[in-house]
Amino acid sequence: MKKTNLAVAAAVTGLLAVGATTLTTTAVHAAEKEKCYGVAKAGKNDCATNTSSCAGTSTKDAQSDAFIVVPKGLCDRLSGSSSTSS
């Protein structure tokens, strides 16, 4: 019975290690992104705007309160973009 318990403990430990690695990787990728306002095409925004509560609901191109998530540093390079909502 002790061999079975050891095998189960090893399997659980391995799963916990994989889960912790995945969470850390996800957090790092999230930190490398930023919201970029004023560049989304109509209906292509990533999340809520000041006037709507869902993604994909912006009503015009380059709506100043609609954003898309882009890699950090890209927003500054896009014409008409802003890292804050107007």
PDB file of N, CA and C in Angstrom:
ATOM      1  N   MET A   1       0.805  -1.203   0.000  1.00  0.00           N
ATOM      2  CA  MET A   1       0.000   0.000   0.000  1.00  0.00           C
ATOM      3  C   MET A   1       0.844   1.262   0.000  1.00  0.00           C
ATOM      4  N   LYS A   2       1.991   1.212   0.602  1.00  0.00           N
ATOM      5  CA  LYS A   2       2.826   2.399   0.660  1.00  0.00           C
ATOM      6  C   LYS A   2       3.316   2.816  -0.719  1.00  0.00           C
ATOM      7  N   LYS A   3       3.546   1.826  -1.603  1.00  0.00           N
ATOM      8  CA  LYS A   3       3.989   2.145  -2.961  1.00  0.00           C
ATOM      9  C   LYS A   3       2.886   2.889  -3.724  1.00  0.00           C
ATOM     10  N   THR A   4       1.647   2.500  -3.512  1.00  0.00           N
ATOM     11  CA  THR A   4       0.519   3.161  -4.165  1.00  0.00           C
ATOM     12  C   THR A   4       0.386   4.593  -3.681  1.00  0.00           C
ATOM     13  N   ASN A   5       0.488   4.806  -2.385  1.00  0.00           N
ATOM     14  CA  ASN A   5       0.393   6.155  -1.833  1.00  0.00           C
ATOM     15  C   ASN A   5       1.507   7.042  -2.353  1.00  0.00           C
ATOM     16  N   LEU A   6       2.706   6.492  -2.490  1.00  0.00           N
ATOM     17  CA  LEU A   6       3.840   7.243  -3.001  1.00  0.00           C
ATOM     18  C   LEU A   6       3.597   7.646  -4.463  1.00  0.00           C
ATOM     19  N   ALA A   7       3.048   6.744  -5.248  1.00  0.00           N
ATOM     20  CA  ALA A   7       2.755   7.034  -6.652  1.00  0.00           C
ATOM     21  C   ALA A   7       1.688   8.120  -6.775  1.00  0.00           C
ATOM     22  N   VAL A   8       0.666   8.044  -5.957  1.00  0.00           N
ATOM     23  CA  VAL A   8      -0.392   9.058  -5.978  1.00  0.00           C
ATOM     24  C   VAL A   8       0.166  10.412  -5.559  1.00  0.00           C
ATOM     25  N   ALA A   9       0.973  10.422  -4.515  1.00  0.00           N
ATOM     26  CA  ALA A   9       1.578  11.672  -4.047  1.00  0.00           C
ATOM     27  C   ALA A   9       2.467  12.288  -5.132  1.00  0.00           C
ATOM     28  N   ALA A  10       3.228  11.466  -5.829  1.00  0.00           N
ATOM     29  CA  ALA A  10       4.096  11.960  -6.901  1.00  0.00           C
ATOM     30  C   ALA A  10       3.262  12.534  -8.043  1.00  0.00           C
ATOM     31  N   ALA A  11       2.165  11.879  -8.388  1.00  0.00           N
ATOM     32  CA  ALA A  11       1.307  12.359  -9.472  1.00  0.00           C
ATOM     33  C   ALA A  11       0.665  13.701  -9.105  1.00  0.00           C
ATOM     34  N   VAL A  12       0.181  13.817  -7.889  1.00  0.00           N
ATOM     35  CA  VAL A  12      -0.446  15.064  -7.443  1.00  0.00           C
ATOM     36  C   VAL A  12       0.586  16.198  -7.418  1.00  0.00           C
ATOM     37  N   THR A  13       1.772  15.923  -6.927  1.00  0.00           N
ATOM     38  CA  THR A  13       2.831  16.928  -6.890  1.00  0.00           C
ATOM     39  C   THR A  13       3.172  17.398  -8.301  1.00  0.00           C
ATOM     40  N   GLY A  14       3.252  16.471  -9.232  1.00  0.00           N
ATOM     41  CA  GLY A  14       3.532  16.835 -10.625  1.00  0.00           C
ATOM     42  C   GLY A  14       2.458  17.715 -11.213  1.00  0.00           C
ATOM     43  N   LEU A  15       1.198  17.404 -10.953  1.00  0.00           N
ATOM     44  CA  LEU A  15       0.095  18.224 -11.455  1.00  0.00           C
ATOM     45  C   LEU A  15       0.115  19.624 -10.851  1.00  0.00           C
ATOM     46  N   LEU A  16       0.420  19.722  -9.568  1.00  0.00           N
ATOM     47  CA  LEU A  16       0.509  21.040  -8.931  1.00  0.00           C
ATOM     48  C   LEU A  16       1.635  21.865  -9.535  1.00  0.00           C
ATOM     49  N   ALA A  17       2.755  21.233  -9.832  1.00  0.00           N
ATOM     50  CA  ALA A  17       3.881  21.948 -10.430  1.00  0.00           C
ATOM     51  C   ALA A  17       3.524  22.471 -11.812  1.00  0.00           C
ATOM     52  N   VAL A  18       2.842  21.671 -12.608  1.00  0.00           N
ATOM     53  CA  VAL A  18       2.426  22.100 -13.946  1.00  0.00           C
ATOM     54  C   VAL A  18       1.438  23.260 -13.839  1.00  0.00           C
ATOM     55  N   GLY A  19       0.496  23.177 -12.911  1.00  0.00           N
ATOM     56  CA  GLY A  19      -0.484  24.239 -12.719  1.00  0.00           C
ATOM     57  C   GLY A  19       0.166  25.539 -12.310  1.00  0.00           C
ATOM     58  N   ALA A  20       1.131  25.505 -11.421  1.00  0.00           N
ATOM     59  CA  ALA A  20       1.823  26.716 -10.976  1.00  0.00           C
ATOM     60  C   ALA A  20       2.603  27.347 -12.121  1.00  0.00           C
ATOM     61  N   THR A  21       3.224  26.531 -12.948  1.00  0.00           N
ATOM     62  CA  THR A  21       3.965  27.040 -14.106  1.00  0.00           C
ATOM     63  C   THR A  21       3.029  27.725 -15.084  1.00  0.00           C
ATOM     64  N   THR A  22       1.867  27.141 -15.320  1.00  0.00           N
ATOM     65  CA  THR A  22       0.893  27.717 -16.242  1.00  0.00           C
ATOM     66  C   THR A  22       0.395  29.060 -15.733  1.00  0.00           C
ATOM     67  N   LEU A  23       0.101  29.164 -14.451  1.00  0.00           N
ATOM     68  CA  LEU A  23      -0.376  30.426 -13.881  1.00  0.00           C
ATOM     69  C   LEU A  23       0.678  31.506 -13.982  1.00  0.00           C
ATOM     70  N   THR A  24       1.921  31.173 -13.713  1.00  0.00           N
ATOM     71  CA  THR A  24       3.000  32.153 -13.801  1.00  0.00           C
ATOM     72  C   THR A  24       3.185  32.619 -15.233  1.00  0.00           C
ATOM     73  N   THR A  25       3.145  31.720 -16.185  1.00  0.00           N
ATOM     74  CA  THR A  25       3.300  32.071 -17.590  1.00  0.00           C
ATOM     75  C   THR A  25       2.166  32.976 -18.049  1.00  0.00           C
ATOM     76  N   THR A  26       0.936  32.673 -17.647  1.00  0.00           N
ATOM     77  CA  THR A  26      -0.214  33.488 -18.019  1.00  0.00           C
ATOM     78  C   THR A  26      -0.087  34.892 -17.454  1.00  0.00           C
ATOM     79  N   ALA A  27       0.357  35.024 -16.216  1.00  0.00           N
ATOM     80  CA  ALA A  27       0.516  36.337 -15.592  1.00  0.00           C
ATOM     81  C   ALA A  27       1.584  37.154 -16.322  1.00  0.00           C
ATOM     82  N   VAL A  28       2.649  36.510 -16.733  1.00  0.00           N
ATOM     83  CA  VAL A  28       3.715  37.218 -17.455  1.00  0.00           C
ATOM     84  C   VAL A  28       3.191  37.716 -18.795  1.00  0.00           C
ATOM     85  N   HIS A  29       2.440  36.890 -19.518  1.00  0.00           N
ATOM     86  CA  HIS A  29       1.898  37.315 -20.805  1.00  0.00           C
ATOM     87  C   HIS A  29       0.899  38.446 -20.637  1.00  0.00           C
ATOM     88  N   ALA A  30       0.097  38.410 -19.593  1.00  0.00           N
ATOM     89  CA  ALA A  30      -0.875  39.477 -19.344  1.00  0.00           C
ATOM     90  C   ALA A  30      -0.173  40.783 -19.040  1.00  0.00           C
ATOM     91  N   ALA A  31       0.961  40.723 -18.360  1.00  0.00           N
ATOM     92  CA  ALA A  31       1.704  41.938 -18.024  1.00  0.00           C
ATOM     93  C   ALA A  31       2.334  42.570 -19.256  1.00  0.00           C
ATOM     94  N   GLU A  32       2.488  41.823 -20.326  1.00  0.00           N
ATOM     95  CA  GLU A  32       3.111  42.318 -21.541  1.00  0.00           C
ATOM     96  C   GLU A  32       2.091  42.886 -22.521  1.00  0.00           C
ATOM     97  N   LYS A  33       0.863  43.115 -22.073  1.00  0.00           N
ATOM     98  CA  LYS A  33      -0.208  43.639 -22.928  1.00  0.00           C
ATOM     99  C   LYS A  33      -0.697  44.973 -22.380  1.00  0.00           C
ATOM    100  N   GLU A  34      -1.360  45.762 -23.232  1.00  0.00           N
ATOM    101  CA  GLU A  34      -1.962  47.008 -22.785  1.00  0.00           C
ATOM    102  C   GLU A  34      -3.214  47.294 -23.597  1.00  0.00           C
ATOM    103  N   LYS A  35      -4.107  48.091 -23.034  1.00  0.00           N
ATOM    104  CA  LYS A  35      -5.311  48.514 -23.734  1.00  0.00           C
ATOM    105  C   LYS A  35      -4.939  49.679 -24.640  1.00  0.00           C
ATOM    106  N   CYS A  36      -5.437  49.640 -25.875  1.00  0.00           N
ATOM    107  CA  CYS A  36      -5.163  50.698 -26.844  1.00  0.00           C
ATOM    108  C   CYS A  36      -6.506  51.237 -27.346  1.00  0.00           C
ATOM    109  N   TYR A  37      -6.806  52.468 -26.975  1.00  0.00           N
ATOM    110  CA  TYR A  37      -8.093  53.090 -27.303  1.00  0.00           C
ATOM    111  C   TYR A  37      -8.013  53.853 -28.624  1.00  0.00           C
ATOM    112  N   GLY A  38      -9.150  53.922 -29.294  1.00  0.00           N
ATOM    113  CA  GLY A  38      -9.271  54.760 -30.482  1.00  0.00           C
ATOM    114  C   GLY A  38      -8.762  54.169 -31.771  1.00  0.00           C
ATOM    115  N   VAL A  39      -8.486  52.880 -31.812  1.00  0.00           N
ATOM    116  CA  VAL A  39      -7.969  52.282 -33.050  1.00  0.00           C
ATOM    117  C   VAL A  39      -8.809  51.117 -33.557  1.00  0.00           C
ATOM    118  N   ALA A  40      -9.797  50.694 -32.779  1.00  0.00           N
ATOM    119  CA  ALA A  40     -10.609  49.536 -33.181  1.00  0.00           C
ATOM    120  C   ALA A  40     -11.595  49.910 -34.282  1.00  0.00           C
ATOM    121  N   LYS A  41     -11.820  49.001 -35.203  1.00  0.00           N
ATOM    122  CA  LYS A  41     -12.859  49.178 -36.214  1.00  0.00           C
ATOM    123  C   LYS A  41     -14.214  48.982 -35.545  1.00  0.00           C
ATOM    124  N   ALA A  42     -15.251  49.522 -36.129  1.00  0.00           N
ATOM    125  CA  ALA A  42     -16.604  49.373 -35.592  1.00  0.00           C
ATOM    126  C   ALA A  42     -16.933  47.896 -35.395  1.00  0.00           C
ATOM    127  N   GLY A  43     -17.399  47.562 -34.197  1.00  0.00           N
ATOM    128  CA  GLY A  43     -17.772  46.190 -33.889  1.00  0.00           C
ATOM    129  C   GLY A  43     -16.621  45.260 -33.593  1.00  0.00           C
ATOM    130  N   LYS A  44     -15.404  45.762 -33.498  1.00  0.00           N
ATOM    131  CA  LYS A  44     -14.232  44.911 -33.291  1.00  0.00           C
ATOM    132  C   LYS A  44     -13.500  45.205 -31.982  1.00  0.00           C
ATOM    133  N   ASN A  45     -14.116  45.953 -31.056  1.00  0.00           N
ATOM    134  CA  ASN A  45     -13.458  46.256 -29.784  1.00  0.00           C
ATOM    135  C   ASN A  45     -13.404  45.007 -28.901  1.00  0.00           C
ATOM    136  N   ASP A  46     -12.459  44.983 -27.964  1.00  0.00           N
ATOM    137  CA  ASP A  46     -12.248  43.811 -27.121  1.00  0.00           C
ATOM    138  C   ASP A  46     -13.150  43.751 -25.897  1.00  0.00           C
ATOM    139  N   CYS A  47     -13.615  44.857 -25.401  1.00  0.00           N
ATOM    140  CA  CYS A  47     -14.420  44.820 -24.185  1.00  0.00           C
ATOM    141  C   CYS A  47     -15.398  45.987 -24.168  1.00  0.00           C
ATOM    142  N   ALA A  48     -16.037  46.198 -23.034  1.00  0.00           N
ATOM    143  CA  ALA A  48     -17.069  47.223 -22.891  1.00  0.00           C
ATOM    144  C   ALA A  48     -16.538  48.631 -23.195  1.00  0.00           C
ATOM    145  N   THR A  49     -17.453  49.501 -23.605  1.00  0.00           N
ATOM    146  CA  THR A  49     -17.151  50.919 -23.805  1.00  0.00           C
ATOM    147  C   THR A  49     -17.962  51.711 -22.783  1.00  0.00           C
ATOM    148  N   ASN A  50     -17.854  53.025 -22.824  1.00  0.00           N
ATOM    149  CA  ASN A  50     -18.645  53.850 -21.908  1.00  0.00           C
ATOM    150  C   ASN A  50     -20.137  53.722 -22.180  1.00  0.00           C
ATOM    151  N   THR A  51     -20.507  53.378 -23.408  1.00  0.00           N
ATOM    152  CA  THR A  51     -21.920  53.331 -23.783  1.00  0.00           C
ATOM    153  C   THR A  51     -22.456  51.922 -24.025  1.00  0.00           C
ATOM    154  N   SER A  52     -21.625  50.898 -23.895  1.00  0.00           N
ATOM    155  CA  SER A  52     -22.084  49.517 -24.080  1.00  0.00           C
ATOM    156  C   SER A  52     -21.358  48.601 -23.105  1.00  0.00           C
ATOM    157  N   SER A  53     -21.896  47.414 -22.921  1.00  0.00           N
ATOM    158  CA  SER A  53     -21.340  46.518 -21.908  1.00  0.00           C
ATOM    159  C   SER A  53     -20.671  45.271 -22.468  1.00  0.00           C
ATOM    160  N   CYS A  54     -20.498  45.185 -23.770  1.00  0.00           N
ATOM    161  CA  CYS A  54     -19.952  43.954 -24.349  1.00  0.00           C
ATOM    162  C   CYS A  54     -18.860  44.234 -25.372  1.00  0.00           C
ATOM    163  N   ALA A  55     -18.040  43.217 -25.603  1.00  0.00           N
ATOM    164  CA  ALA A  55     -17.053  43.281 -26.677  1.00  0.00           C
ATOM    165  C   ALA A  55     -17.783  43.269 -28.014  1.00  0.00           C
ATOM    166  N   GLY A  56     -17.187  43.893 -29.003  1.00  0.00           N
ATOM    167  CA  GLY A  56     -17.760  43.878 -30.342  1.00  0.00           C
ATOM    168  C   GLY A  56     -18.959  44.788 -30.516  1.00  0.00           C
ATOM    169  N   THR A  57     -19.105  45.784 -29.662  1.00  0.00           N
ATOM    170  CA  THR A  57     -20.286  46.642 -29.738  1.00  0.00           C
ATOM    171  C   THR A  57     -19.962  48.105 -30.053  1.00  0.00           C
ATOM    172  N   SER A  58     -18.737  48.411 -30.401  1.00  0.00           N
ATOM    173  CA  SER A  58     -18.445  49.799 -30.780  1.00  0.00           C
ATOM    174  C   SER A  58     -19.214  50.123 -32.057  1.00  0.00           C
ATOM    175  N   THR A  59     -19.660  51.355 -32.165  1.00  0.00           N
ATOM    176  CA  THR A  59     -20.551  51.718 -33.269  1.00  0.00           C
ATOM    177  C   THR A  59     -19.873  52.442 -34.414  1.00  0.00           C
ATOM    178  N   LYS A  60     -18.616  52.855 -34.228  1.00  0.00           N
ATOM    179  CA  LYS A  60     -17.911  53.532 -35.325  1.00  0.00           C
ATOM    180  C   LYS A  60     -16.424  53.216 -35.256  1.00  0.00           C
ATOM    181  N   ASP A  61     -15.749  53.359 -36.364  1.00  0.00           N
ATOM    182  CA  ASP A  61     -14.303  53.167 -36.400  1.00  0.00           C
ATOM    183  C   ASP A  61     -13.631  54.210 -35.508  1.00  0.00           C
ATOM    184  N   ALA A  62     -12.562  53.818 -34.841  1.00  0.00           N
ATOM    185  CA  ALA A  62     -11.753  54.703 -34.009  1.00  0.00           C
ATOM    186  C   ALA A  62     -12.547  55.364 -32.884  1.00  0.00           C
ATOM    187  N   GLN A  63     -13.538  54.666 -32.360  1.00  0.00           N
ATOM    188  CA  GLN A  63     -14.320  55.196 -31.238  1.00  0.00           C
ATOM    189  C   GLN A  63     -13.377  55.392 -30.047  1.00  0.00           C
ATOM    190  N   SER A  64     -13.369  56.575 -29.454  1.00  0.00           N
ATOM    191  CA  SER A  64     -12.364  56.922 -28.452  1.00  0.00           C
ATOM    192  C   SER A  64     -12.470  56.136 -27.145  1.00  0.00           C
ATOM    193  N   ASP A  65     -13.626  55.558 -26.833  1.00  0.00           N
ATOM    194  CA  ASP A  65     -13.749  54.788 -25.589  1.00  0.00           C
ATOM    195  C   ASP A  65     -13.725  53.279 -25.828  1.00  0.00           C
ATOM    196  N   ALA A  66     -13.467  52.850 -27.046  1.00  0.00           N
ATOM    197  CA  ALA A  66     -13.373  51.424 -27.379  1.00  0.00           C
ATOM    198  C   ALA A  66     -11.897  51.049 -27.499  1.00  0.00           C
ATOM    199  N   PHE A  67     -11.539  49.890 -26.925  1.00  0.00           N
ATOM    200  CA  PHE A  67     -10.128  49.494 -26.979  1.00  0.00           C
ATOM    201  C   PHE A  67      -9.953  48.085 -27.519  1.00  0.00           C
ATOM    202  N   ILE A  68      -8.722  47.815 -27.925  1.00  0.00           N
ATOM    203  CA  ILE A  68      -8.266  46.469 -28.235  1.00  0.00           C
ATOM    204  C   ILE A  68      -7.018  46.236 -27.379  1.00  0.00           C
ATOM    205  N   VAL A  69      -6.730  44.999 -27.063  1.00  0.00           N
ATOM    206  CA  VAL A  69      -5.551  44.668 -26.282  1.00  0.00           C
ATOM    207  C   VAL A  69      -4.419  44.361 -27.259  1.00  0.00           C
ATOM    208  N   VAL A  70      -3.298  45.041 -27.062  1.00  0.00           N
ATOM    209  CA  VAL A  70      -2.148  44.896 -27.964  1.00  0.00           C
ATOM    210  C   VAL A  70      -0.887  44.647 -27.134  1.00  0.00           C
ATOM    211  N   PRO A  71       0.169  44.152 -27.761  1.00  0.00           N
ATOM    212  CA  PRO A  71       1.432  43.999 -27.033  1.00  0.00           C
ATOM    213  C   PRO A  71       1.916  45.357 -26.509  1.00  0.00           C
ATOM    214  N   LYS A  72       2.475  45.352 -25.310  1.00  0.00           N
ATOM    215  CA  LYS A  72       2.949  46.583 -24.669  1.00  0.00           C
ATOM    216  C   LYS A  72       3.916  47.326 -25.590  1.00  0.00           C
ATOM    217  N   GLY A  73       3.692  48.622 -25.752  1.00  0.00           N
ATOM    218  CA  GLY A  73       4.543  49.463 -26.583  1.00  0.00           C
ATOM    219  C   GLY A  73       3.998  49.701 -27.983  1.00  0.00           C
ATOM    220  N   LEU A  74       3.085  48.842 -28.447  1.00  0.00           N
ATOM    221  CA  LEU A  74       2.541  48.993 -29.799  1.00  0.00           C
ATOM    222  C   LEU A  74       1.582  50.176 -29.896  1.00  0.00           C
ATOM    223  N   CYS A  75       0.809  50.430 -28.865  1.00  0.00           N
ATOM    224  CA  CYS A  75      -0.201  51.491 -28.916  1.00  0.00           C
ATOM    225  C   CYS A  75       0.434  52.846 -29.231  1.00  0.00           C
ATOM    226  N   ASP A  76       1.583  53.114 -28.652  1.00  0.00           N
ATOM    227  CA  ASP A  76       2.273  54.389 -28.901  1.00  0.00           C
ATOM    228  C   ASP A  76       2.672  54.556 -30.366  1.00  0.00           C
ATOM    229  N   ARG A  77       2.731  53.463 -31.107  1.00  0.00           N
ATOM    230  CA  ARG A  77       3.175  53.516 -32.498  1.00  0.00           C
ATOM    231  C   ARG A  77       2.024  53.615 -33.492  1.00  0.00           C
ATOM    232  N   LEU A  78       0.781  53.513 -33.009  1.00  0.00           N
ATOM    233  CA  LEU A  78      -0.377  53.537 -33.896  1.00  0.00           C
ATOM    234  C   LEU A  78      -0.967  54.937 -33.988  1.00  0.00           C
ATOM    235  N   SER A  79      -1.242  55.382 -35.175  1.00  0.00           N
ATOM    236  CA  SER A  79      -1.819  56.707 -35.407  1.00  0.00           C
ATOM    237  C   SER A  79      -3.211  56.803 -34.802  1.00  0.00           C
ATOM    238  N   GLY A  80      -3.460  57.868 -34.044  1.00  0.00           N
ATOM    239  CA  GLY A  80      -4.771  58.105 -33.460  1.00  0.00           C
ATOM    240  C   GLY A  80      -5.051  57.298 -32.211  1.00  0.00           C
ATOM    241  N   SER A  81      -4.053  56.624 -31.693  1.00  0.00           N
ATOM    242  CA  SER A  81      -4.257  55.771 -30.527  1.00  0.00           C
ATOM    243  C   SER A  81      -4.001  56.510 -29.223  1.00  0.00           C
ATOM    244  N   SER A  82      -4.503  55.928 -28.134  1.00  0.00           N
ATOM    245  CA  SER A  82      -4.275  56.468 -26.817  1.00  0.00           C
ATOM    246  C   SER A  82      -4.281  55.310 -25.835  1.00  0.00           C
ATOM    247  N   SER A  83      -3.474  55.405 -24.786  1.00  0.00           N
ATOM    248  CA  SER A  83      -3.462  54.354 -23.773  1.00  0.00           C
ATOM    249  C   SER A  83      -4.482  54.626 -22.671  1.00  0.00           C
ATOM    250  N   THR A  84      -5.267  55.702 -22.824  1.00  0.00           N
ATOM    251  CA  THR A  84      -6.351  56.007 -21.883  1.00  0.00           C
ATOM    252  C   THR A  84      -7.626  56.304 -22.658  1.00  0.00           C
ATOM    253  N   SER A  85      -8.759  56.047 -22.008  1.00  0.00           N
ATOM    254  CA  SER A  85     -10.061  56.287 -22.615  1.00  0.00           C
ATOM    255  C   SER A  85     -10.384  57.778 -22.587  1.00  0.00           C
ATOM    256  N   SER A  86     -11.035  58.259 -23.627  1.00  0.00           N
ATOM    257  CA  SER A  86     -11.425  59.675 -23.669  1.00  0.00           C
ATOM    258  C   SER A  86     -12.802  59.878 -23.108  1.00  0.00           C
TER     259      SER A  86
END
